[in-house]
Amino acid sequence: MSRPDFLPSSTVSVGLHVYESTEFVTRTYPDEDRVTIDATGSGGSVTMFLDRPDIARLCTVLGQAEHDLTSRQHDNGARAISGPAA
């Protein structure tokens, strides 16, 4: 999706650490075929604006990231995996 002409060309970079206490709220906009996902914690919040293709792309990226992490842990002989996936 290209940037609409009415939006400014400036960008801001944001870092987000996700913890068990991080809350996610999804809002759907079916007429626009998109969603927003708010990630909120004690230090603020971040909103992602996702069209349907970007939802699928994000799912693919996260799945690949988990696969890569598991592969690297096995390659390094790591025995403990932390977090809810353990």
Protein backbone atom coordinates (compact mmCIF):
# COMPACT_ATOMS: atom_id res chain seq x y z
CA MET A 1 0.00 0.00 0.00
CA SER A 2 1.43 3.38 -0.94
CA ARG A 3 1.32 6.45 1.29
CA PRO A 4 -1.73 8.61 0.64
CA ASP A 5 -0.88 12.12 -0.58
CA PHE A 6 -2.56 13.76 2.43
CA LEU A 7 -0.16 12.12 4.94
CA PRO A 8 3.11 13.82 5.90
CA SER A 9 6.32 12.23 4.67
CA SER A 10 7.90 12.25 8.15
CA THR A 11 8.25 9.02 10.10
CA VAL A 12 8.88 8.07 13.72
CA SER A 13 10.60 4.93 14.96
CA VAL A 14 9.20 3.22 18.05
CA GLY A 15 10.51 0.31 20.09
CA LEU A 16 8.11 -2.05 21.82
CA HIS A 17 8.92 -4.67 24.44
CA VAL A 18 6.09 -7.18 24.84
CA TYR A 19 5.60 -8.65 28.31
CA GLU A 20 2.91 -10.81 29.89
CA SER A 21 1.28 -7.60 31.13
CA THR A 22 1.10 -6.08 27.63
CA GLU A 23 -2.50 -5.76 26.50
CA PHE A 24 -3.56 -6.12 22.87
CA VAL A 25 -6.83 -4.66 21.63
CA THR A 26 -7.95 -5.25 18.05
CA ARG A 27 -10.48 -3.07 16.27
CA THR A 28 -11.88 -4.15 12.93
CA TYR A 29 -12.94 -1.92 10.08
CA PRO A 30 -14.67 -4.38 7.73
CA ASP A 31 -15.77 -1.75 5.20
CA GLU A 32 -12.10 -0.77 4.78
CA ASP A 33 -10.74 -4.35 4.99
CA ARG A 34 -8.32 -3.40 7.76
CA VAL A 35 -7.72 -3.57 11.51
CA THR A 36 -5.86 -1.65 14.16
CA ILE A 37 -4.00 -3.41 16.95
CA ASP A 38 -3.20 -1.44 20.11
CA ALA A 39 -0.36 -2.76 22.26
CA THR A 40 -0.57 -1.07 25.67
CA GLY A 41 1.66 -1.32 28.71
CA SER A 42 2.78 0.77 31.66
CA GLY A 43 4.99 2.96 29.47
CA GLY A 44 2.48 3.91 26.79
CA SER A 45 0.91 2.36 23.74
CA VAL A 46 1.57 1.66 20.08
CA THR A 47 -1.09 1.26 17.39
CA MET A 48 -0.49 -0.74 14.23
CA PHE A 49 -2.71 -0.06 11.22
CA LEU A 50 -2.95 -3.19 9.06
CA ASP A 51 -4.68 -3.93 5.78
CA ARG A 52 -5.52 -7.59 5.12
CA PRO A 53 -2.30 -8.34 3.14
CA ASP A 54 -0.23 -6.79 5.94
CA ILE A 55 -1.97 -8.98 8.54
CA ALA A 56 -0.92 -12.06 6.58
CA ARG A 57 2.61 -10.69 6.13
CA LEU A 58 2.95 -9.98 9.86
CA CYS A 59 1.77 -13.52 10.69
CA THR A 60 4.39 -14.92 8.31
CA VAL A 61 7.17 -12.76 9.78
CA LEU A 62 6.30 -13.75 13.38
CA GLY A 63 6.08 -17.44 12.45
CA GLN A 64 9.48 -17.26 10.74
CA ALA A 65 10.97 -15.39 13.71
CA GLU A 66 9.79 -18.14 16.09
CA HIS A 67 11.16 -20.83 13.78
CA ASP A 68 14.54 -19.05 13.48
CA LEU A 69 14.78 -18.56 17.25
CA THR A 70 14.05 -22.23 17.93
CA SER A 71 16.59 -23.32 15.30
CA ARG A 72 19.29 -21.08 16.75
CA GLN A 73 18.59 -22.34 20.27
CA HIS A 74 18.92 -25.93 19.10
CA ASP A 75 22.11 -25.08 17.17
CA ASN A 76 23.59 -23.49 20.32
CA GLY A 77 22.51 -26.37 22.54
CA ALA A 78 20.12 -24.18 24.54
CA ARG A 79 17.93 -26.32 26.73
CA ALA A 80 15.57 -23.83 28.31
CA ILE A 81 12.99 -21.89 26.36
CA SER A 82 11.35 -19.09 28.34
CA GLY A 83 7.91 -17.58 28.16
CA PRO A 84 4.46 -18.96 27.45
CA ALA A 85 5.67 -21.09 24.51
CA ALA A 86 7.73 -23.24 26.92
